[in-house]
Amino acid sequence: MTLVLAAHGTRDARGEAVLRDLAEAVRARRPGHRVHLAHLEISRPLLSSALPGLPGPVTIVPLLLAGGYHAHVDLPEIVSRTRPDARLARPLGPHPLLSRALARRLAEAGLRPDDAVVLAAAGSSDPAALADVRAQARLLSVRLGRPVTAAFAASGTPAFAASGTPALPREWGRRTALASYLLAPGFFHTRFQHSGAALVSAPIGADPSLAALIWRRFDDVQRARKCQPTHHHDRMTSTRPAG
């Protein structure tokens, strides 16, 4: 059985290195399992090129923190065209394990008890993807025991202003801490770093909680596979179990 980590792809060498580290962290949790990292675009290997030659059965876990075009259109199209027998897991977020990783990164960055926390995400034109990020902000709020607001750099409200500063209530009168809701450094994390926030956490990276979540998404697919009739096994399905 093969696990494929499907990343978006990046032109940032630091981001590619972090994703390779994440793949190694995933392999380390279950030695002996086949784990391959591939990308939807830009980086190599491309998912469309890698999938046909991989030994089956194949389960694909998207390295995407929310739904949206890549999760619900682009990725399923690639899978159905190049590896229709593969099973596709749901995106990573929202999930409490991501809150654990985000809280760890904020603590490493020097979060204070009275800081106003913002979950800083890239954003999306898909309302469902924005809802996923806001749900993750609520989970992080529970984890931290304080309010957490989601803000978006590319598309979504509240948005980061042209200067990069999040449009947030000024009456809070507190330092703003950005929780970088990204897997790896790149364009958006650089923008967060220039936002004027008092602190910006590192991207989630090769965090042990993220590696555990990836295997949880993988296991969700295997449970769904066992519940389906045998004659369905030759068809690609997308599973969306709860959290």
C-alpha atoms as a PDB file:
ATOM      1  CA  MET A   1       0.000   0.000   0.000  1.00  0.00           C
ATOM      2  CA  THR A   2       1.354   3.414  -0.996  1.00  0.00           C
ATOM      3  CA  LEU A   3       0.748   6.786   0.638  1.00  0.00           C
ATOM      4  CA  VAL A   4       1.167   9.778  -1.671  1.00  0.00           C
ATOM      5  CA  LEU A   5       1.523  13.234  -0.168  1.00  0.00           C
ATOM      6  CA  ALA A   6       0.092  15.666  -2.711  1.00  0.00           C
ATOM      7  CA  ALA A   7       1.551  19.145  -2.181  1.00  0.00           C
ATOM      8  CA  HIS A   8       0.683  22.255  -4.157  1.00  0.00           C
ATOM      9  CA  GLY A   9       4.237  23.057  -5.253  1.00  0.00           C
ATOM     10  CA  THR A  10       6.397  26.131  -4.679  1.00  0.00           C
ATOM     11  CA  ARG A  11       9.200  28.143  -6.258  1.00  0.00           C
ATOM     12  CA  ASP A  12      10.749  28.657  -2.817  1.00  0.00           C
ATOM     13  CA  ALA A  13      13.612  26.246  -2.127  1.00  0.00           C
ATOM     14  CA  ARG A  14      12.975  26.572   1.616  1.00  0.00           C
ATOM     15  CA  GLY A  15       9.419  25.414   1.126  1.00  0.00           C
ATOM     16  CA  GLU A  16      10.508  22.395  -0.899  1.00  0.00           C
ATOM     17  CA  ALA A  17      13.013  21.456   1.822  1.00  0.00           C
ATOM     18  CA  VAL A  18      10.335  21.671   4.540  1.00  0.00           C
ATOM     19  CA  LEU A  19       8.001  19.411   2.558  1.00  0.00           C
ATOM     20  CA  ARG A  20      10.780  16.850   2.118  1.00  0.00           C
ATOM     21  CA  ASP A  21      11.355  16.973   5.889  1.00  0.00           C
ATOM     22  CA  LEU A  22       7.636  16.450   6.423  1.00  0.00           C
ATOM     23  CA  ALA A  23       7.668  13.396   4.157  1.00  0.00           C
ATOM     24  CA  GLU A  24      10.539  11.978   6.205  1.00  0.00           C
ATOM     25  CA  ALA A  25       8.631  12.626   9.437  1.00  0.00           C
ATOM     26  CA  VAL A  26       5.626  10.771   8.003  1.00  0.00           C
ATOM     27  CA  ARG A  27       7.806   7.805   6.979  1.00  0.00           C
ATOM     28  CA  ALA A  28       9.392   7.693  10.421  1.00  0.00           C
ATOM     29  CA  ARG A  29       6.013   7.188  12.103  1.00  0.00           C
ATOM     30  CA  ARG A  30       5.352   3.946  10.204  1.00  0.00           C
ATOM     31  CA  PRO A  31       8.607   2.379   9.017  1.00  0.00           C
ATOM     32  CA  GLY A  32       8.174   0.044   6.104  1.00  0.00           C
ATOM     33  CA  HIS A  33       5.296   1.920   4.508  1.00  0.00           C
ATOM     34  CA  ARG A  34       5.817   3.414   1.060  1.00  0.00           C
ATOM     35  CA  VAL A  35       5.516   7.225   1.234  1.00  0.00           C
ATOM     36  CA  HIS A  36       5.951   9.415  -1.842  1.00  0.00           C
ATOM     37  CA  LEU A  37       5.881  13.217  -2.100  1.00  0.00           C
ATOM     38  CA  ALA A  38       4.530  14.733  -5.324  1.00  0.00           C
ATOM     39  CA  HIS A  39       3.201  18.121  -6.407  1.00  0.00           C
ATOM     40  CA  LEU A  40       0.251  19.506  -8.305  1.00  0.00           C
ATOM     41  CA  GLU A  41       2.400  22.047 -10.125  1.00  0.00           C
ATOM     42  CA  ILE A  42       5.751  23.861 -10.217  1.00  0.00           C
ATOM     43  CA  SER A  43       7.831  21.478  -8.072  1.00  0.00           C
ATOM     44  CA  ARG A  44       8.986  18.028  -9.092  1.00  0.00           C
ATOM     45  CA  PRO A  45       7.967  15.283  -9.224  1.00  0.00           C
ATOM     46  CA  LEU A  46       4.578  16.230 -10.583  1.00  0.00           C
ATOM     47  CA  LEU A  47       1.676  14.187  -9.251  1.00  0.00           C
ATOM     48  CA  SER A  48       0.406  13.549 -12.776  1.00  0.00           C
ATOM     49  CA  SER A  49       3.737  11.983 -13.737  1.00  0.00           C
ATOM     50  CA  ALA A  50       4.326  10.054 -10.510  1.00  0.00           C
ATOM     51  CA  LEU A  51       0.958   8.377  -9.993  1.00  0.00           C
ATOM     52  CA  PRO A  52       0.899   5.935 -12.952  1.00  0.00           C
ATOM     53  CA  GLY A  53       4.121   4.189 -11.921  1.00  0.00           C
ATOM     54  CA  LEU A  54       3.455   3.739  -8.203  1.00  0.00           C
ATOM     55  CA  PRO A  55       2.608   0.292  -6.815  1.00  0.00           C
ATOM     56  CA  GLY A  56      -0.925  -0.010  -5.507  1.00  0.00           C
ATOM     57  CA  PRO A  57      -3.172   0.292  -3.701  1.00  0.00           C
ATOM     58  CA  VAL A  58      -2.589   4.061  -3.638  1.00  0.00           C
ATOM     59  CA  THR A  59      -4.016   6.519  -1.120  1.00  0.00           C
ATOM     60  CA  ILE A  60      -3.466  10.232  -1.687  1.00  0.00           C
ATOM     61  CA  VAL A  61      -3.492  12.688   1.217  1.00  0.00           C
ATOM     62  CA  PRO A  62      -3.616  16.313   0.021  1.00  0.00           C
ATOM     63  CA  LEU A  63      -1.131  18.556   1.809  1.00  0.00           C
ATOM     64  CA  LEU A  64      -3.785  21.263   1.773  1.00  0.00           C
ATOM     65  CA  LEU A  65      -5.017  22.974   4.916  1.00  0.00           C
ATOM     66  CA  ALA A  66      -8.499  23.709   3.549  1.00  0.00           C
ATOM     67  CA  GLY A  67     -10.796  22.843   0.698  1.00  0.00           C
ATOM     68  CA  GLY A  68     -11.032  24.899  -2.476  1.00  0.00           C
ATOM     69  CA  TYR A  69     -10.268  24.538  -6.171  1.00  0.00           C
ATOM     70  CA  HIS A  70      -7.136  22.409  -5.749  1.00  0.00           C
ATOM     71  CA  ALA A  71      -8.814  20.035  -3.308  1.00  0.00           C
ATOM     72  CA  HIS A  72     -12.163  19.653  -5.019  1.00  0.00           C
ATOM     73  CA  VAL A  73     -11.445  20.180  -8.741  1.00  0.00           C
ATOM     74  CA  ASP A  74      -7.782  20.131  -9.716  1.00  0.00           C
ATOM     75  CA  LEU A  75      -6.616  17.174  -7.615  1.00  0.00           C
ATOM     76  CA  PRO A  76      -9.589  14.861  -8.350  1.00  0.00           C
ATOM     77  CA  GLU A  77      -9.182  15.576 -12.067  1.00  0.00           C
ATOM     78  CA  ILE A  78      -5.509  14.585 -12.011  1.00  0.00           C
ATOM     79  CA  VAL A  79      -6.300  11.416 -10.075  1.00  0.00           C
ATOM     80  CA  SER A  80      -9.196  10.351 -12.307  1.00  0.00           C
ATOM     81  CA  ARG A  81      -7.068  10.947 -15.422  1.00  0.00           C
ATOM     82  CA  THR A  82      -3.829   9.304 -14.316  1.00  0.00           C
ATOM     83  CA  ARG A  83      -4.681   6.839 -11.517  1.00  0.00           C
ATOM     84  CA  PRO A  84      -8.444   6.160 -11.310  1.00  0.00           C
ATOM     85  CA  ASP A  85      -8.000   3.289  -8.840  1.00  0.00           C
ATOM     86  CA  ALA A  86      -6.411   5.616  -6.250  1.00  0.00           C
ATOM     87  CA  ARG A  87      -8.297   6.738  -3.141  1.00  0.00           C
ATOM     88  CA  LEU A  88      -8.316  10.418  -2.239  1.00  0.00           C
ATOM     89  CA  ALA A  89      -8.451  11.598   1.377  1.00  0.00           C
ATOM     90  CA  ARG A  90      -9.928  14.886   2.497  1.00  0.00           C
ATOM     91  CA  PRO A  91      -7.755  17.993   3.097  1.00  0.00           C
ATOM     92  CA  LEU A  92      -5.887  18.277   6.384  1.00  0.00           C
ATOM     93  CA  GLY A  93      -7.914  20.996   8.054  1.00  0.00           C
ATOM     94  CA  PRO A  94      -9.716  21.824  10.144  1.00  0.00           C
ATOM     95  CA  HIS A  95      -8.505  19.495  12.882  1.00  0.00           C
ATOM     96  CA  PRO A  96      -7.446  19.730  16.572  1.00  0.00           C
ATOM     97  CA  LEU A  97      -4.038  18.256  15.713  1.00  0.00           C
ATOM     98  CA  LEU A  98      -3.350  21.329  13.586  1.00  0.00           C
ATOM     99  CA  SER A  99      -4.269  23.485  16.583  1.00  0.00           C
ATOM    100  CA  ARG A 100      -1.670  21.633  18.617  1.00  0.00           C
ATOM    101  CA  ALA A 101       0.991  22.351  15.987  1.00  0.00           C
ATOM    102  CA  LEU A 102      -0.062  25.993  15.623  1.00  0.00           C
ATOM    103  CA  ALA A 103       0.024  26.514  19.394  1.00  0.00           C
ATOM    104  CA  ARG A 104       3.520  25.015  19.492  1.00  0.00           C
ATOM    105  CA  ARG A 105       4.750  27.406  16.795  1.00  0.00           C
ATOM    106  CA  LEU A 106       3.212  30.397  18.587  1.00  0.00           C
ATOM    107  CA  ALA A 107       4.878  29.412  21.852  1.00  0.00           C
ATOM    108  CA  GLU A 108       8.221  29.089  20.061  1.00  0.00           C
ATOM    109  CA  ALA A 109       7.735  32.592  18.636  1.00  0.00           C
ATOM    110  CA  GLY A 110       7.154  34.083  22.104  1.00  0.00           C
ATOM    111  CA  LEU A 111       3.377  34.331  22.449  1.00  0.00           C
ATOM    112  CA  ARG A 112       2.272  36.295  25.514  1.00  0.00           C
ATOM    113  CA  PRO A 113      -0.882  35.658  27.571  1.00  0.00           C
ATOM    114  CA  ASP A 114      -2.414  39.011  26.545  1.00  0.00           C
ATOM    115  CA  ASP A 115      -1.571  38.889  22.824  1.00  0.00           C
ATOM    116  CA  ALA A 116      -4.406  39.109  20.288  1.00  0.00           C
ATOM    117  CA  VAL A 117      -4.053  36.056  18.051  1.00  0.00           C
ATOM    118  CA  VAL A 118      -4.806  36.003  14.335  1.00  0.00           C
ATOM    119  CA  LEU A 119      -4.819  32.855  12.230  1.00  0.00           C
ATOM    120  CA  ALA A 120      -3.155  34.142   9.062  1.00  0.00           C
ATOM    121  CA  ALA A 121      -4.066  32.194   5.919  1.00  0.00           C
ATOM    122  CA  ALA A 122      -3.526  32.646   2.199  1.00  0.00           C
ATOM    123  CA  GLY A 123      -7.263  32.728   1.468  1.00  0.00           C
ATOM    124  CA  SER A 124      -9.453  31.413  -1.328  1.00  0.00           C
ATOM    125  CA  SER A 125     -12.293  32.420  -3.635  1.00  0.00           C
ATOM    126  CA  ASP A 126     -14.150  29.297  -2.429  1.00  0.00           C
ATOM    127  CA  PRO A 127     -16.469  30.108   0.513  1.00  0.00           C
ATOM    128  CA  ALA A 128     -16.131  26.526   1.786  1.00  0.00           C
ATOM    129  CA  ALA A 129     -12.358  26.908   2.004  1.00  0.00           C
ATOM    130  CA  LEU A 130     -12.732  30.139   3.975  1.00  0.00           C
ATOM    131  CA  ALA A 131     -15.179  28.363   6.277  1.00  0.00           C
ATOM    132  CA  ASP A 132     -12.559  25.651   6.871  1.00  0.00           C
ATOM    133  CA  VAL A 133     -10.026  28.292   7.960  1.00  0.00           C
ATOM    134  CA  ARG A 134     -12.523  29.984  10.259  1.00  0.00           C
ATOM    135  CA  ALA A 135     -13.331  26.592  11.781  1.00  0.00           C
ATOM    136  CA  GLN A 136      -9.618  26.074  12.401  1.00  0.00           C
ATOM    137  CA  ALA A 137      -9.466  29.487  14.084  1.00  0.00           C
ATOM    138  CA  ARG A 138     -12.227  28.341  16.452  1.00  0.00           C
ATOM    139  CA  LEU A 139     -10.308  25.146  17.224  1.00  0.00           C
ATOM    140  CA  LEU A 140      -7.155  27.154  17.916  1.00  0.00           C
ATOM    141  CA  SER A 141      -9.189  29.458  20.158  1.00  0.00           C
ATOM    142  CA  VAL A 142     -10.239  26.446  22.228  1.00  0.00           C
ATOM    143  CA  ARG A 143      -6.640  25.244  22.383  1.00  0.00           C
ATOM    144  CA  LEU A 144      -5.282  28.634  23.507  1.00  0.00           C
ATOM    145  CA  GLY A 145      -8.214  29.634  25.705  1.00  0.00           C
ATOM    146  CA  ARG A 146      -8.564  33.028  24.033  1.00  0.00           C
ATOM    147  CA  PRO A 147     -10.277  34.500  20.946  1.00  0.00           C
ATOM    148  CA  VAL A 148      -8.650  33.827  17.569  1.00  0.00           C
ATOM    149  CA  THR A 149      -9.600  35.708  14.406  1.00  0.00           C
ATOM    150  CA  ALA A 150      -8.932  34.401  10.893  1.00  0.00           C
ATOM    151  CA  ALA A 151      -7.511  36.838   8.318  1.00  0.00           C
ATOM    152  CA  PHE A 152      -6.658  36.263   4.663  1.00  0.00           C
ATOM    153  CA  ALA A 153      -3.856  37.548   2.470  1.00  0.00           C
ATOM    154  CA  ALA A 154      -5.215  36.792  -1.009  1.00  0.00           C
ATOM    155  CA  SER A 155      -8.992  36.418  -0.879  1.00  0.00           C
ATOM    156  CA  GLY A 156     -11.475  36.424   1.986  1.00  0.00           C
ATOM    157  CA  THR A 157     -12.553  38.675   4.852  1.00  0.00           C
ATOM    158  CA  PRO A 158     -11.219  40.072   7.058  1.00  0.00           C
ATOM    159  CA  ALA A 159      -8.353  40.746   4.672  1.00  0.00           C
ATOM    160  CA  PHE A 160      -4.830  41.993   5.043  1.00  0.00           C
ATOM    161  CA  ALA A 161      -4.567  45.607   3.889  1.00  0.00           C
ATOM    162  CA  ALA A 162      -2.283  46.591   1.022  1.00  0.00           C
ATOM    163  CA  SER A 163       0.489  47.217   3.524  1.00  0.00           C
ATOM    164  CA  GLY A 164       0.191  43.634   4.716  1.00  0.00           C
ATOM    165  CA  THR A 165      -1.372  44.611   8.043  1.00  0.00           C
ATOM    166  CA  PRO A 166      -4.469  42.593   8.950  1.00  0.00           C
ATOM    167  CA  ALA A 167      -7.653  44.637   9.119  1.00  0.00           C
ATOM    168  CA  LEU A 168      -8.459  43.899  12.770  1.00  0.00           C
ATOM    169  CA  PRO A 169     -10.348  45.714  15.531  1.00  0.00           C
ATOM    170  CA  ARG A 170      -8.001  48.378  16.877  1.00  0.00           C
ATOM    171  CA  GLU A 171      -9.953  48.636  20.121  1.00  0.00           C
ATOM    172  CA  TRP A 172      -8.273  45.435  21.267  1.00  0.00           C
ATOM    173  CA  GLY A 173      -5.307  47.620  22.213  1.00  0.00           C
ATOM    174  CA  ARG A 174      -2.970  44.631  22.420  1.00  0.00           C
ATOM    175  CA  ARG A 175      -0.050  43.159  20.552  1.00  0.00           C
ATOM    176  CA  THR A 176      -1.047  41.122  17.545  1.00  0.00           C
ATOM    177  CA  ALA A 177       0.441  37.659  17.083  1.00  0.00           C
ATOM    178  CA  LEU A 178       0.032  35.982  13.716  1.00  0.00           C
ATOM    179  CA  ALA A 179      -0.263  32.198  13.651  1.00  0.00           C
ATOM    180  CA  SER A 180       1.022  31.344  10.183  1.00  0.00           C
ATOM    181  CA  TYR A 181      -1.518  28.890   8.767  1.00  0.00           C
ATOM    182  CA  LEU A 182       0.866  27.591   6.127  1.00  0.00           C
ATOM    183  CA  LEU A 183       2.776  24.347   5.782  1.00  0.00           C
ATOM    184  CA  ALA A 184       6.035  25.883   4.603  1.00  0.00           C
ATOM    185  CA  PRO A 185       7.739  29.236   3.984  1.00  0.00           C
ATOM    186  CA  GLY A 186       7.176  31.062   0.737  1.00  0.00           C
ATOM    187  CA  PHE A 187       5.423  34.111  -0.699  1.00  0.00           C
ATOM    188  CA  PHE A 188       2.600  34.336   1.829  1.00  0.00           C
ATOM    189  CA  HIS A 189       4.732  33.711   4.902  1.00  0.00           C
ATOM    190  CA  THR A 190       7.081  36.488   3.768  1.00  0.00           C
ATOM    191  CA  ARG A 191       4.055  38.743   3.505  1.00  0.00           C
ATOM    192  CA  PHE A 192       2.998  37.820   7.035  1.00  0.00           C
ATOM    193  CA  GLN A 193       6.496  38.649   8.287  1.00  0.00           C
ATOM    194  CA  HIS A 194       6.138  42.171   6.841  1.00  0.00           C
ATOM    195  CA  SER A 195       2.661  42.703   8.281  1.00  0.00           C
ATOM    196  CA  GLY A 196       3.753  44.768  11.248  1.00  0.00           C
ATOM    197  CA  ALA A 197       2.508  42.179  13.732  1.00  0.00           C
ATOM    198  CA  ALA A 198       4.438  41.936  16.987  1.00  0.00           C
ATOM    199  CA  LEU A 199       5.264  38.317  16.246  1.00  0.00           C
ATOM    200  CA  VAL A 200       4.702  35.850  13.438  1.00  0.00           C
ATOM    201  CA  SER A 201       4.966  32.154  14.086  1.00  0.00           C
ATOM    202  CA  ALA A 202       6.854  29.849  11.765  1.00  0.00           C
ATOM    203  CA  PRO A 203       4.839  27.751   9.301  1.00  0.00           C
ATOM    204  CA  ILE A 204       3.622  24.411  10.633  1.00  0.00           C
ATOM    205  CA  GLY A 205       6.417  22.495   8.903  1.00  0.00           C
ATOM    206  CA  ALA A 206       7.429  18.935   9.747  1.00  0.00           C
ATOM    207  CA  ASP A 207       5.561  18.957  13.054  1.00  0.00           C
ATOM    208  CA  PRO A 208       4.859  15.590  14.716  1.00  0.00           C
ATOM    209  CA  SER A 209       1.172  16.500  15.098  1.00  0.00           C
ATOM    210  CA  LEU A 210       0.934  17.148  11.369  1.00  0.00           C
ATOM    211  CA  ALA A 211       2.609  13.815  10.588  1.00  0.00           C
ATOM    212  CA  ALA A 212       0.105  12.102  12.893  1.00  0.00           C
ATOM    213  CA  LEU A 213      -2.792  13.873  11.161  1.00  0.00           C
ATOM    214  CA  ILE A 214      -1.600  12.707   7.746  1.00  0.00           C
ATOM    215  CA  TRP A 215      -1.707   9.081   8.892  1.00  0.00           C
ATOM    216  CA  ARG A 216      -5.130   9.695  10.407  1.00  0.00           C
ATOM    217  CA  ARG A 217      -6.419  10.875   7.034  1.00  0.00           C
ATOM    218  CA  PHE A 218      -4.813   7.802   5.456  1.00  0.00           C
ATOM    219  CA  ASP A 219      -6.520   5.514   7.997  1.00  0.00           C
ATOM    220  CA  ASP A 220      -9.885   7.171   7.346  1.00  0.00           C
ATOM    221  CA  VAL A 221      -9.610   6.091   3.714  1.00  0.00           C
ATOM    222  CA  GLN A 222      -8.680   2.522   4.650  1.00  0.00           C
ATOM    223  CA  ARG A 223     -11.704   2.236   6.949  1.00  0.00           C
ATOM    224  CA  ALA A 224     -13.952   3.526   4.179  1.00  0.00           C
ATOM    225  CA  ARG A 225     -12.375   1.076   1.728  1.00  0.00           C
ATOM    226  CA  LYS A 226     -13.185  -1.877   3.984  1.00  0.00           C
ATOM    227  CA  CYS A 227     -16.818  -0.782   4.283  1.00  0.00           C
ATOM    228  CA  GLN A 228     -17.350  -0.667   0.514  1.00  0.00           C
ATOM    229  CA  PRO A 229     -18.349  -3.642  -1.647  1.00  0.00           C
ATOM    230  CA  THR A 230     -15.501  -5.334  -3.508  1.00  0.00           C
ATOM    231  CA  HIS A 231     -16.751  -4.222  -6.917  1.00  0.00           C
ATOM    232  CA  HIS A 232     -16.247  -0.576  -5.897  1.00  0.00           C
ATOM    233  CA  HIS A 233     -12.523  -0.984  -5.292  1.00  0.00           C
ATOM    234  CA  ASP A 234     -11.563  -0.149  -8.841  1.00  0.00           C
ATOM    235  CA  ARG A 235     -13.044   3.324  -8.620  1.00  0.00           C
ATOM    236  CA  MET A 236     -11.490   6.454  -7.143  1.00  0.00           C
ATOM    237  CA  THR A 237     -13.510   7.821  -4.242  1.00  0.00           C
ATOM    238  CA  SER A 238     -13.081  10.920  -2.104  1.00  0.00           C
ATOM    239  CA  THR A 239     -13.728  10.358   1.597  1.00  0.00           C
ATOM    240  CA  ARG A 240     -14.740  13.240   3.846  1.00  0.00           C
ATOM    241  CA  PRO A 241     -15.044  11.801   7.357  1.00  0.00           C
ATOM    242  CA  ALA A 242     -15.588  14.121  10.264  1.00  0.00           C
ATOM    243  CA  GLY A 243     -12.439  15.845  11.612  1.00  0.00           C
END
